[in-house]
């Protein structure tokens, strides 16, 4: 399965940019805002991360005999630390959908997913402030199938894109609290519908090593609101287990048609003998139950091959329930 030429050019550019930057800048081993710990005082720190790959899905039964298109996608993340206390973070993606019957491009997009300016360092400061545009953080969102949600239209539990200001308190021991206030970016809303607020609290349980409890929610006053509760454990071997419940409402929280709920259980093993295993089960209330097992083969860095097999049980129409298989080949820079 060949990766599209556009994505290969983008991947080569990221790799070249990383190597060239290392000659004049320190290239830290950080992952966007989650772990900017490798900061050298007095040195400009540039952290670059990216991936590119292709995904093919096959369903056993579909109502119109149309299989999902092939997805080619590249993701890029960049963090620039001007000082240990001032940084800029951005991430974006480029994706192409190819119809499998006609081999024609049905969708092509290049999107800047987020851009933020942060005062404070995640590893060194208890108080941090950031400003920017992107999706607000209010839950764990431990999703292994993010690049394939288009197959089932499962992105309804993500927060909307907002222009925001965020304050984070982290006591460096067990508590982390984040509050966000901003405005929705949609152009078709009335002024009174544009305000947005969210909050997330995370508590690390000392008695259970590697366990974090997360509770959060968001609301814009009129259109959308959501609440989430999650539990994440990363053990000594680096196995990740997550359980979360997310509920969303629109205008009327008591209308059954406007109530949506997701219960997600996921597991990712550590890498052993170039292999790692994944499991994810999603229960979308009155819509779909979706489960799958994945085998990830990493022959060498940065190559990765993934094979997934699972079952999607449709609650709204039993005739649309189906087995599915996914194949992914890609690179992580």
C-alpha atoms as a PDB file:
ATOM      1  CA  UNK A   1       0.000   0.000   0.000  1.00  0.00           C
ATOM      2  CA  UNK A   2       1.719   3.126  -1.253  1.00  0.00           C
ATOM      3  CA  UNK A   3       1.694   6.431   0.560  1.00  0.00           C
ATOM      4  CA  UNK A   4       0.647   9.365  -1.570  1.00  0.00           C
ATOM      5  CA  UNK A   5       3.425  11.483  -3.065  1.00  0.00           C
ATOM      6  CA  UNK A   6       2.128  14.592  -1.303  1.00  0.00           C
ATOM      7  CA  UNK A   7       2.473  12.977   2.099  1.00  0.00           C
ATOM      8  CA  UNK A   8       5.939  11.626   1.357  1.00  0.00           C
ATOM      9  CA  UNK A   9       7.129  15.107   0.375  1.00  0.00           C
ATOM     10  CA  UNK A  10       5.671  16.513   3.601  1.00  0.00           C
ATOM     11  CA  UNK A  11       7.307  13.783   5.698  1.00  0.00           C
ATOM     12  CA  UNK A  12      10.692  14.370   4.052  1.00  0.00           C
ATOM     13  CA  UNK A  13      10.361  18.107   4.666  1.00  0.00           C
ATOM     14  CA  UNK A  14       9.666  17.545   8.394  1.00  0.00           C
ATOM     15  CA  UNK A  15      12.682  15.260   8.687  1.00  0.00           C
ATOM     16  CA  UNK A  16      14.912  17.760   6.843  1.00  0.00           C
ATOM     17  CA  UNK A  17      13.628  20.626   9.000  1.00  0.00           C
ATOM     18  CA  UNK A  18      14.443  18.690  12.181  1.00  0.00           C
ATOM     19  CA  UNK A  19      18.003  17.923  11.076  1.00  0.00           C
ATOM     20  CA  UNK A  20      18.717  21.468   9.882  1.00  0.00           C
ATOM     21  CA  UNK A  21      17.285  23.015  13.036  1.00  0.00           C
ATOM     22  CA  UNK A  22      19.478  20.832  15.197  1.00  0.00           C
ATOM     23  CA  UNK A  23      22.573  22.562  13.795  1.00  0.00           C
ATOM     24  CA  UNK A  24      21.588  25.970  15.210  1.00  0.00           C
ATOM     25  CA  UNK A  25      18.879  25.127  17.721  1.00  0.00           C
ATOM     26  CA  UNK A  26      18.432  22.521  20.407  1.00  0.00           C
ATOM     27  CA  UNK A  27      15.882  19.934  19.247  1.00  0.00           C
ATOM     28  CA  UNK A  28      14.191  18.789  22.449  1.00  0.00           C
ATOM     29  CA  UNK A  29      12.362  15.532  22.987  1.00  0.00           C
ATOM     30  CA  UNK A  30       9.016  17.080  23.881  1.00  0.00           C
ATOM     31  CA  UNK A  31       5.492  16.341  22.667  1.00  0.00           C
ATOM     32  CA  UNK A  32       3.701  19.633  22.145  1.00  0.00           C
ATOM     33  CA  UNK A  33       2.221  20.901  25.442  1.00  0.00           C
ATOM     34  CA  UNK A  34       2.123  17.514  27.160  1.00  0.00           C
ATOM     35  CA  UNK A  35       5.833  17.157  27.934  1.00  0.00           C
ATOM     36  CA  UNK A  36       7.952  20.250  27.234  1.00  0.00           C
ATOM     37  CA  UNK A  37      10.513  19.181  29.846  1.00  0.00           C
ATOM     38  CA  UNK A  38      13.715  19.184  27.754  1.00  0.00           C
ATOM     39  CA  UNK A  39      14.252  22.933  27.891  1.00  0.00           C
ATOM     40  CA  UNK A  40      17.786  24.305  28.183  1.00  0.00           C
ATOM     41  CA  UNK A  41      17.942  27.746  29.834  1.00  0.00           C
ATOM     42  CA  UNK A  42      19.340  30.377  27.475  1.00  0.00           C
ATOM     43  CA  UNK A  43      18.920  28.211  24.355  1.00  0.00           C
ATOM     44  CA  UNK A  44      16.069  28.424  21.826  1.00  0.00           C
ATOM     45  CA  UNK A  45      14.386  25.025  21.940  1.00  0.00           C
ATOM     46  CA  UNK A  46      12.588  23.712  18.837  1.00  0.00           C
ATOM     47  CA  UNK A  47      10.605  20.483  19.136  1.00  0.00           C
ATOM     48  CA  UNK A  48       9.222  18.880  15.976  1.00  0.00           C
ATOM     49  CA  UNK A  49       7.055  15.772  15.711  1.00  0.00           C
ATOM     50  CA  UNK A  50       5.188  14.353  12.744  1.00  0.00           C
ATOM     51  CA  UNK A  51       3.640  11.283  11.165  1.00  0.00           C
ATOM     52  CA  UNK A  52       2.307  10.180   7.796  1.00  0.00           C
ATOM     53  CA  UNK A  53       0.370   7.097   6.774  1.00  0.00           C
ATOM     54  CA  UNK A  54      -2.368   5.400   4.782  1.00  0.00           C
ATOM     55  CA  UNK A  55      -5.471   3.622   6.076  1.00  0.00           C
ATOM     56  CA  UNK A  56      -7.758   1.123   4.313  1.00  0.00           C
ATOM     57  CA  UNK A  57     -10.985  -0.170   5.905  1.00  0.00           C
ATOM     58  CA  UNK A  58     -13.136  -3.088   4.750  1.00  0.00           C
ATOM     59  CA  UNK A  59     -16.694  -3.744   5.985  1.00  0.00           C
ATOM     60  CA  UNK A  60     -18.352  -7.142   5.739  1.00  0.00           C
ATOM     61  CA  UNK A  61     -21.862  -5.797   5.044  1.00  0.00           C
ATOM     62  CA  UNK A  62     -23.000  -2.323   3.970  1.00  0.00           C
ATOM     63  CA  UNK A  63     -26.401  -1.097   2.845  1.00  0.00           C
ATOM     64  CA  UNK A  64     -25.266   0.359  -0.488  1.00  0.00           C
ATOM     65  CA  UNK A  65     -22.280  -1.948  -1.190  1.00  0.00           C
ATOM     66  CA  UNK A  66     -19.922   1.054  -0.951  1.00  0.00           C
ATOM     67  CA  UNK A  67     -16.725   0.518   1.008  1.00  0.00           C
ATOM     68  CA  UNK A  68     -15.051   3.379   2.940  1.00  0.00           C
ATOM     69  CA  UNK A  69     -12.508   5.372   0.928  1.00  0.00           C
ATOM     70  CA  UNK A  70      -8.744   5.114   1.393  1.00  0.00           C
ATOM     71  CA  UNK A  71      -7.365   7.743   3.760  1.00  0.00           C
ATOM     72  CA  UNK A  72      -3.903   9.286   3.318  1.00  0.00           C
ATOM     73  CA  UNK A  73      -2.990  11.635   6.152  1.00  0.00           C
ATOM     74  CA  UNK A  74      -0.019  13.488   7.594  1.00  0.00           C
ATOM     75  CA  UNK A  75       0.105  15.191  11.018  1.00  0.00           C
ATOM     76  CA  UNK A  76       2.644  17.699  12.245  1.00  0.00           C
ATOM     77  CA  UNK A  77       3.343  19.297  15.648  1.00  0.00           C
ATOM     78  CA  UNK A  78       5.820  22.019  16.494  1.00  0.00           C
ATOM     79  CA  UNK A  79       6.780  23.693  19.785  1.00  0.00           C
ATOM     80  CA  UNK A  80       9.135  26.676  19.914  1.00  0.00           C
ATOM     81  CA  UNK A  81      10.518  27.731  23.324  1.00  0.00           C
ATOM     82  CA  UNK A  82      11.863  31.268  23.059  1.00  0.00           C
ATOM     83  CA  UNK A  83      12.820  31.015  26.749  1.00  0.00           C
ATOM     84  CA  UNK A  84      12.050  28.284  29.283  1.00  0.00           C
ATOM     85  CA  UNK A  85       8.925  30.300  30.231  1.00  0.00           C
ATOM     86  CA  UNK A  86       7.615  31.524  26.857  1.00  0.00           C
ATOM     87  CA  UNK A  87       6.620  29.128  24.077  1.00  0.00           C
ATOM     88  CA  UNK A  88       4.527  28.832  20.926  1.00  0.00           C
ATOM     89  CA  UNK A  89       2.745  25.598  19.964  1.00  0.00           C
ATOM     90  CA  UNK A  90       1.012  24.635  16.736  1.00  0.00           C
ATOM     91  CA  UNK A  91      -0.279  21.489  15.064  1.00  0.00           C
ATOM     92  CA  UNK A  92      -1.981  20.697  11.786  1.00  0.00           C
ATOM     93  CA  UNK A  93      -2.764  17.965   9.311  1.00  0.00           C
ATOM     94  CA  UNK A  94      -3.128  17.252   5.618  1.00  0.00           C
ATOM     95  CA  UNK A  95      -5.529  14.539   4.445  1.00  0.00           C
ATOM     96  CA  UNK A  96      -6.728  13.011   1.189  1.00  0.00           C
ATOM     97  CA  UNK A  97      -9.680  10.640   0.670  1.00  0.00           C
ATOM     98  CA  UNK A  98      -9.620   8.359  -2.412  1.00  0.00           C
ATOM     99  CA  UNK A  99     -12.751   6.593  -3.660  1.00  0.00           C
ATOM    100  CA  UNK A 100     -11.943   2.892  -3.996  1.00  0.00           C
ATOM    101  CA  UNK A 101     -14.351   2.308  -6.900  1.00  0.00           C
ATOM    102  CA  UNK A 102     -13.218   5.200  -9.110  1.00  0.00           C
ATOM    103  CA  UNK A 103      -9.740   5.951  -7.656  1.00  0.00           C
ATOM    104  CA  UNK A 104     -10.713   9.632  -7.699  1.00  0.00           C
ATOM    105  CA  UNK A 105      -9.978  12.127  -4.913  1.00  0.00           C
ATOM    106  CA  UNK A 106     -13.225  12.875  -3.054  1.00  0.00           C
ATOM    107  CA  UNK A 107     -11.794  15.190  -0.386  1.00  0.00           C
ATOM    108  CA  UNK A 108      -8.555  17.069   0.183  1.00  0.00           C
ATOM    109  CA  UNK A 109      -7.757  19.412   3.091  1.00  0.00           C
ATOM    110  CA  UNK A 110      -4.860  21.190   4.750  1.00  0.00           C
ATOM    111  CA  UNK A 111      -5.836  22.367   8.232  1.00  0.00           C
ATOM    112  CA  UNK A 112      -4.089  24.233  11.037  1.00  0.00           C
ATOM    113  CA  UNK A 113      -5.747  22.451  13.977  1.00  0.00           C
ATOM    114  CA  UNK A 114      -4.401  24.658  16.773  1.00  0.00           C
ATOM    115  CA  UNK A 115      -2.101  27.559  17.542  1.00  0.00           C
ATOM    116  CA  UNK A 116      -1.314  28.813  21.047  1.00  0.00           C
ATOM    117  CA  UNK A 117       1.046  31.100  22.937  1.00  0.00           C
ATOM    118  CA  UNK A 118       1.987  29.903  26.452  1.00  0.00           C
ATOM    119  CA  UNK A 119       3.550  31.647  29.432  1.00  0.00           C
ATOM    120  CA  UNK A 120       4.965  29.113  31.889  1.00  0.00           C
ATOM    121  CA  UNK A 121       6.652  25.727  31.598  1.00  0.00           C
ATOM    122  CA  UNK A 122       4.823  22.436  32.207  1.00  0.00           C
ATOM    123  CA  UNK A 123       7.817  20.919  33.978  1.00  0.00           C
ATOM    124  CA  UNK A 124       8.928  23.948  35.999  1.00  0.00           C
ATOM    125  CA  UNK A 125       5.983  26.182  36.911  1.00  0.00           C
ATOM    126  CA  UNK A 126       2.771  25.652  38.865  1.00  0.00           C
ATOM    127  CA  UNK A 127       0.887  28.440  37.089  1.00  0.00           C
ATOM    128  CA  UNK A 128       0.557  28.650  33.307  1.00  0.00           C
ATOM    129  CA  UNK A 129      -1.432  30.875  30.976  1.00  0.00           C
ATOM    130  CA  UNK A 130      -2.024  30.281  27.271  1.00  0.00           C
ATOM    131  CA  UNK A 131      -3.946  32.008  24.473  1.00  0.00           C
ATOM    132  CA  UNK A 132      -4.851  30.704  21.050  1.00  0.00           C
ATOM    133  CA  UNK A 133      -7.324  28.872  18.818  1.00  0.00           C
ATOM    134  CA  UNK A 134      -8.201  25.188  18.923  1.00  0.00           C
ATOM    135  CA  UNK A 135     -10.405  22.572  20.568  1.00  0.00           C
ATOM    136  CA  UNK A 136     -10.772  23.043  24.310  1.00  0.00           C
ATOM    137  CA  UNK A 137      -9.524  20.256  26.599  1.00  0.00           C
ATOM    138  CA  UNK A 138     -12.158  18.802  28.928  1.00  0.00           C
ATOM    139  CA  UNK A 139     -11.667  15.005  28.971  1.00  0.00           C
ATOM    140  CA  UNK A 140      -9.089  12.220  28.540  1.00  0.00           C
ATOM    141  CA  UNK A 141     -10.027  11.612  24.890  1.00  0.00           C
ATOM    142  CA  UNK A 142      -7.908   8.446  24.687  1.00  0.00           C
ATOM    143  CA  UNK A 143      -8.886   7.554  21.093  1.00  0.00           C
ATOM    144  CA  UNK A 144      -6.857   5.039  19.079  1.00  0.00           C
ATOM    145  CA  UNK A 145      -9.013   5.368  15.939  1.00  0.00           C
ATOM    146  CA  UNK A 146      -8.947   9.151  15.539  1.00  0.00           C
ATOM    147  CA  UNK A 147      -7.833   9.016  11.901  1.00  0.00           C
ATOM    148  CA  UNK A 148     -10.695   6.632  11.040  1.00  0.00           C
ATOM    149  CA  UNK A 149     -13.675   8.272  12.759  1.00  0.00           C
ATOM    150  CA  UNK A 150     -14.851   9.506   9.348  1.00  0.00           C
ATOM    151  CA  UNK A 151     -15.995   5.936   8.532  1.00  0.00           C
ATOM    152  CA  UNK A 152     -18.698   6.013  11.232  1.00  0.00           C
ATOM    153  CA  UNK A 153     -19.047   9.799  11.762  1.00  0.00           C
ATOM    154  CA  UNK A 154     -17.947   9.548  15.406  1.00  0.00           C
ATOM    155  CA  UNK A 155     -16.487  13.003  16.066  1.00  0.00           C
ATOM    156  CA  UNK A 156     -19.575  14.366  17.865  1.00  0.00           C
ATOM    157  CA  UNK A 157     -17.920  14.154  21.312  1.00  0.00           C
ATOM    158  CA  UNK A 158     -15.085  16.564  20.529  1.00  0.00           C
ATOM    159  CA  UNK A 159     -15.223  20.128  21.808  1.00  0.00           C
ATOM    160  CA  UNK A 160     -15.813  22.864  19.207  1.00  0.00           C
ATOM    161  CA  UNK A 161     -13.052  25.120  17.911  1.00  0.00           C
ATOM    162  CA  UNK A 162     -12.777  28.343  19.959  1.00  0.00           C
ATOM    163  CA  UNK A 163     -10.583  31.394  20.380  1.00  0.00           C
ATOM    164  CA  UNK A 164      -9.600  30.994  24.009  1.00  0.00           C
ATOM    165  CA  UNK A 165      -7.575  31.959  27.023  1.00  0.00           C
ATOM    166  CA  UNK A 166      -6.631  29.161  29.432  1.00  0.00           C
ATOM    167  CA  UNK A 167      -5.257  29.135  32.969  1.00  0.00           C
ATOM    168  CA  UNK A 168      -3.618  25.997  34.396  1.00  0.00           C
ATOM    169  CA  UNK A 169      -2.702  25.292  38.008  1.00  0.00           C
ATOM    170  CA  UNK A 170      -0.392  22.311  38.587  1.00  0.00           C
ATOM    171  CA  UNK A 171       0.961  21.688  42.079  1.00  0.00           C
ATOM    172  CA  UNK A 172       3.555  19.266  40.605  1.00  0.00           C
ATOM    173  CA  UNK A 173       2.326  16.499  42.945  1.00  0.00           C
ATOM    174  CA  UNK A 174      -1.229  15.325  42.365  1.00  0.00           C
ATOM    175  CA  UNK A 175      -3.617  18.111  41.298  1.00  0.00           C
ATOM    176  CA  UNK A 176      -3.910  19.810  37.910  1.00  0.00           C
ATOM    177  CA  UNK A 177      -6.790  22.240  37.221  1.00  0.00           C
ATOM    178  CA  UNK A 178      -7.498  23.924  33.880  1.00  0.00           C
ATOM    179  CA  UNK A 179     -10.108  26.579  33.095  1.00  0.00           C
ATOM    180  CA  UNK A 180     -10.802  27.953  29.618  1.00  0.00           C
ATOM    181  CA  UNK A 181     -12.859  30.924  28.478  1.00  0.00           C
ATOM    182  CA  UNK A 182     -13.356  32.031  24.904  1.00  0.00           C
ATOM    183  CA  UNK A 183     -15.602  32.504  21.909  1.00  0.00           C
ATOM    184  CA  UNK A 184     -16.855  30.059  19.298  1.00  0.00           C
ATOM    185  CA  UNK A 185     -15.435  30.527  15.805  1.00  0.00           C
ATOM    186  CA  UNK A 186     -18.565  29.631  13.779  1.00  0.00           C
ATOM    187  CA  UNK A 187     -19.770  32.560  11.655  1.00  0.00           C
ATOM    188  CA  UNK A 188     -23.460  31.604  11.608  1.00  0.00           C
ATOM    189  CA  UNK A 189     -24.101  32.214  15.322  1.00  0.00           C
ATOM    190  CA  UNK A 190     -25.723  35.149  17.065  1.00  0.00           C
ATOM    191  CA  UNK A 191     -23.477  37.189  19.418  1.00  0.00           C
ATOM    192  CA  UNK A 192     -25.132  35.756  22.546  1.00  0.00           C
ATOM    193  CA  UNK A 193     -24.325  32.216  21.362  1.00  0.00           C
ATOM    194  CA  UNK A 194     -20.612  32.724  20.931  1.00  0.00           C
ATOM    195  CA  UNK A 195     -19.365  32.659  24.548  1.00  0.00           C
ATOM    196  CA  UNK A 196     -17.657  29.432  25.647  1.00  0.00           C
ATOM    197  CA  UNK A 197     -16.290  28.052  28.905  1.00  0.00           C
ATOM    198  CA  UNK A 198     -14.719  24.763  29.962  1.00  0.00           C
ATOM    199  CA  UNK A 199     -12.912  23.250  32.943  1.00  0.00           C
ATOM    200  CA  UNK A 200     -10.942  20.102  33.698  1.00  0.00           C
ATOM    201  CA  UNK A 201      -9.578  18.755  36.983  1.00  0.00           C
ATOM    202  CA  UNK A 202      -7.035  15.905  37.154  1.00  0.00           C
ATOM    203  CA  UNK A 203      -5.993  14.074  40.312  1.00  0.00           C
ATOM    204  CA  UNK A 204      -3.113  11.580  40.509  1.00  0.00           C
ATOM    205  CA  UNK A 205      -3.783   8.820  43.047  1.00  0.00           C
ATOM    206  CA  UNK A 206      -0.600   8.218  45.050  1.00  0.00           C
ATOM    207  CA  UNK A 207      -1.759   4.816  46.321  1.00  0.00           C
ATOM    208  CA  UNK A 208      -2.240   3.566  42.734  1.00  0.00           C
ATOM    209  CA  UNK A 209       0.962   4.315  40.853  1.00  0.00           C
ATOM    210  CA  UNK A 210       0.352   5.779  37.408  1.00  0.00           C
ATOM    211  CA  UNK A 211      -3.411   6.350  37.957  1.00  0.00           C
ATOM    212  CA  UNK A 212      -5.139   9.631  37.141  1.00  0.00           C
ATOM    213  CA  UNK A 213      -8.784  10.633  37.642  1.00  0.00           C
ATOM    214  CA  UNK A 214     -10.157  13.263  35.238  1.00  0.00           C
ATOM    215  CA  UNK A 215     -13.434  15.166  35.454  1.00  0.00           C
ATOM    216  CA  UNK A 216     -14.451  18.039  33.211  1.00  0.00           C
ATOM    217  CA  UNK A 217     -17.021  19.691  31.019  1.00  0.00           C
ATOM    218  CA  UNK A 218     -17.815  22.593  28.725  1.00  0.00           C
ATOM    219  CA  UNK A 219     -20.760  24.745  27.707  1.00  0.00           C
ATOM    220  CA  UNK A 220     -21.611  27.718  25.506  1.00  0.00           C
ATOM    221  CA  UNK A 221     -24.838  28.663  27.279  1.00  0.00           C
ATOM    222  CA  UNK A 222     -27.244  27.936  24.438  1.00  0.00           C
ATOM    223  CA  UNK A 223     -26.131  25.322  21.913  1.00  0.00           C
ATOM    224  CA  UNK A 224     -23.773  22.697  23.322  1.00  0.00           C
ATOM    225  CA  UNK A 225     -22.716  21.384  26.688  1.00  0.00           C
ATOM    226  CA  UNK A 226     -20.866  18.274  27.834  1.00  0.00           C
ATOM    227  CA  UNK A 227     -19.579  16.512  30.955  1.00  0.00           C
ATOM    228  CA  UNK A 228     -16.910  13.797  31.182  1.00  0.00           C
ATOM    229  CA  UNK A 229     -15.444  11.464  33.791  1.00  0.00           C
ATOM    230  CA  UNK A 230     -12.356   9.360  33.127  1.00  0.00           C
ATOM    231  CA  UNK A 231      -9.757   7.066  34.675  1.00  0.00           C
ATOM    232  CA  UNK A 232      -6.281   6.580  33.160  1.00  0.00           C
ATOM    233  CA  UNK A 233      -3.569   4.174  34.349  1.00  0.00           C
ATOM    234  CA  UNK A 234      -0.013   3.875  32.987  1.00  0.00           C
ATOM    235  CA  UNK A 235       1.813   1.075  34.801  1.00  0.00           C
ATOM    236  CA  UNK A 236       5.532   0.467  35.251  1.00  0.00           C
ATOM    237  CA  UNK A 237       5.783  -1.388  31.923  1.00  0.00           C
ATOM    238  CA  UNK A 238       4.166   1.586  30.130  1.00  0.00           C
ATOM    239  CA  UNK A 239       0.888  -0.224  29.422  1.00  0.00           C
ATOM    240  CA  UNK A 240      -1.965   2.307  29.137  1.00  0.00           C
ATOM    241  CA  UNK A 241      -5.529   1.551  30.271  1.00  0.00           C
ATOM    242  CA  UNK A 242      -8.280   4.170  30.065  1.00  0.00           C
ATOM    243  CA  UNK A 243     -11.997   4.258  30.906  1.00  0.00           C
ATOM    244  CA  UNK A 244     -14.159   7.309  30.291  1.00  0.00           C
ATOM    245  CA  UNK A 245     -17.812   8.361  30.145  1.00  0.00           C
ATOM    246  CA  UNK A 246     -18.789  11.456  28.137  1.00  0.00           C
ATOM    247  CA  UNK A 247     -22.262  12.966  27.819  1.00  0.00           C
ATOM    248  CA  UNK A 248     -23.297  15.807  25.507  1.00  0.00           C
ATOM    249  CA  UNK A 249     -26.489  17.858  25.310  1.00  0.00           C
ATOM    250  CA  UNK A 250     -27.772  20.575  23.015  1.00  0.00           C
ATOM    251  CA  UNK A 251     -30.691  22.965  23.606  1.00  0.00           C
ATOM    252  CA  UNK A 252     -32.844  20.788  25.857  1.00  0.00           C
ATOM    253  CA  UNK A 253     -30.940  18.416  28.220  1.00  0.00           C
ATOM    254  CA  UNK A 254     -34.154  16.475  28.980  1.00  0.00           C
ATOM    255  CA  UNK A 255     -35.012  15.691  25.348  1.00  0.00           C
ATOM    256  CA  UNK A 256     -33.992  12.066  24.569  1.00  0.00           C
ATOM    257  CA  UNK A 257     -33.242  13.021  20.966  1.00  0.00           C
ATOM    258  CA  UNK A 258     -30.640  15.570  22.096  1.00  0.00           C
ATOM    259  CA  UNK A 259     -28.872  13.316  24.601  1.00  0.00           C
ATOM    260  CA  UNK A 260     -25.680  11.532  23.494  1.00  0.00           C
ATOM    261  CA  UNK A 261     -23.387   9.337  25.575  1.00  0.00           C
ATOM    262  CA  UNK A 262     -20.068   7.604  24.950  1.00  0.00           C
ATOM    263  CA  UNK A 263     -18.532   4.922  27.170  1.00  0.00           C
ATOM    264  CA  UNK A 264     -14.999   4.056  26.064  1.00  0.00           C
ATOM    265  CA  UNK A 265     -12.587   1.394  27.333  1.00  0.00           C
ATOM    266  CA  UNK A 266      -9.121   1.221  25.760  1.00  0.00           C
ATOM    267  CA  UNK A 267      -5.839  -0.590  26.336  1.00  0.00           C
ATOM    268  CA  UNK A 268      -2.418  -0.114  24.700  1.00  0.00           C
ATOM    269  CA  UNK A 269       0.449  -2.442  25.609  1.00  0.00           C
ATOM    270  CA  UNK A 270       4.126  -1.569  25.781  1.00  0.00           C
ATOM    271  CA  UNK A 271       6.400  -2.464  22.858  1.00  0.00           C
ATOM    272  CA  UNK A 272       7.947  -5.926  23.142  1.00  0.00           C
ATOM    273  CA  UNK A 273       9.740  -7.809  20.344  1.00  0.00           C
ATOM    274  CA  UNK A 274       8.746  -5.007  17.922  1.00  0.00           C
ATOM    275  CA  UNK A 275       5.055  -5.621  18.692  1.00  0.00           C
ATOM    276  CA  UNK A 276       2.365  -3.871  20.696  1.00  0.00           C
ATOM    277  CA  UNK A 277      -1.345  -4.603  21.133  1.00  0.00           C
ATOM    278  CA  UNK A 278      -4.369  -2.331  21.257  1.00  0.00           C
ATOM    279  CA  UNK A 279      -7.976  -2.843  22.301  1.00  0.00           C
ATOM    280  CA  UNK A 280     -10.784  -0.295  22.211  1.00  0.00           C
ATOM    281  CA  UNK A 281     -14.511  -0.631  22.892  1.00  0.00           C
ATOM    282  CA  UNK A 282     -16.920   2.259  22.316  1.00  0.00           C
ATOM    283  CA  UNK A 283     -20.588   2.317  23.330  1.00  0.00           C
ATOM    284  CA  UNK A 284     -22.389   5.182  21.584  1.00  0.00           C
ATOM    285  CA  UNK A 285     -25.805   5.390  23.268  1.00  0.00           C
ATOM    286  CA  UNK A 286     -28.627   4.262  20.941  1.00  0.00           C
ATOM    287  CA  UNK A 287     -26.355   4.455  17.898  1.00  0.00           C
ATOM    288  CA  UNK A 288     -23.501   1.954  17.802  1.00  0.00           C
ATOM    289  CA  UNK A 289     -21.310  -0.405  19.815  1.00  0.00           C
ATOM    290  CA  UNK A 290     -17.859  -0.625  18.292  1.00  0.00           C
ATOM    291  CA  UNK A 291     -14.999  -2.883  19.377  1.00  0.00           C
ATOM    292  CA  UNK A 292     -11.696  -3.946  17.875  1.00  0.00           C
ATOM    293  CA  UNK A 293      -8.308  -5.559  18.534  1.00  0.00           C
ATOM    294  CA  UNK A 294      -5.138  -4.270  16.878  1.00  0.00           C
ATOM    295  CA  UNK A 295      -1.678  -5.681  16.316  1.00  0.00           C
ATOM    296  CA  UNK A 296       1.024  -3.071  15.703  1.00  0.00           C
ATOM    297  CA  UNK A 297       4.294  -4.202  14.155  1.00  0.00           C
ATOM    298  CA  UNK A 298       7.303  -1.855  14.362  1.00  0.00           C
ATOM    299  CA  UNK A 299      10.087  -3.464  12.272  1.00  0.00           C
ATOM    300  CA  UNK A 300      12.367  -0.446  12.713  1.00  0.00           C
ATOM    301  CA  UNK A 301      12.076   3.225  13.605  1.00  0.00           C
ATOM    302  CA  UNK A 302      10.168   5.111  12.224  1.00  0.00           C
ATOM    303  CA  UNK A 303       8.101   2.521  10.255  1.00  0.00           C
ATOM    304  CA  UNK A 304       4.858   1.124  11.668  1.00  0.00           C
ATOM    305  CA  UNK A 305       2.259  -1.363  10.399  1.00  0.00           C
ATOM    306  CA  UNK A 306      -1.103  -1.915  12.088  1.00  0.00           C
ATOM    307  CA  UNK A 307      -3.786  -4.563  11.558  1.00  0.00           C
ATOM    308  CA  UNK A 308      -7.211  -4.238  13.233  1.00  0.00           C
ATOM    309  CA  UNK A 309     -10.208  -6.563  13.303  1.00  0.00           C
ATOM    310  CA  UNK A 310     -13.492  -5.800  15.031  1.00  0.00           C
ATOM    311  CA  UNK A 311     -17.288  -5.617  15.018  1.00  0.00           C
ATOM    312  CA  UNK A 312     -19.665  -2.655  14.768  1.00  0.00           C
ATOM    313  CA  UNK A 313     -23.165  -3.353  16.101  1.00  0.00           C
ATOM    314  CA  UNK A 314     -25.652  -0.714  14.972  1.00  0.00           C
ATOM    315  CA  UNK A 315     -28.403   0.083  17.472  1.00  0.00           C
ATOM    316  CA  UNK A 316     -30.404   2.264  15.053  1.00  0.00           C
ATOM    317  CA  UNK A 317     -30.511  -0.356  12.273  1.00  0.00           C
ATOM    318  CA  UNK A 318     -29.582  -4.006  12.820  1.00  0.00           C
ATOM    319  CA  UNK A 319     -29.115  -4.508   9.076  1.00  0.00           C
ATOM    320  CA  UNK A 320     -26.134  -2.154   9.146  1.00  0.00           C
ATOM    321  CA  UNK A 321     -24.168  -4.136  11.773  1.00  0.00           C
ATOM    322  CA  UNK A 322     -20.942  -5.467  10.317  1.00  0.00           C
ATOM    323  CA  UNK A 323     -17.474  -6.894  10.877  1.00  0.00           C
ATOM    324  CA  UNK A 324     -14.628  -4.667   9.808  1.00  0.00           C
ATOM    325  CA  UNK A 325     -10.878  -4.835   9.167  1.00  0.00           C
ATOM    326  CA  UNK A 326      -8.358  -1.981   9.062  1.00  0.00           C
ATOM    327  CA  UNK A 327      -4.852  -1.899   7.625  1.00  0.00           C
ATOM    328  CA  UNK A 328      -2.438   0.973   8.278  1.00  0.00           C
ATOM    329  CA  UNK A 329       1.108   1.632   7.101  1.00  0.00           C
ATOM    330  CA  UNK A 330       2.990   4.751   8.106  1.00  0.00           C
ATOM    331  CA  UNK A 331       5.991   6.489   9.634  1.00  0.00           C
ATOM    332  CA  UNK A 332       6.552   8.498  12.820  1.00  0.00           C
ATOM    333  CA  UNK A 333       9.283  11.113  12.666  1.00  0.00           C
END
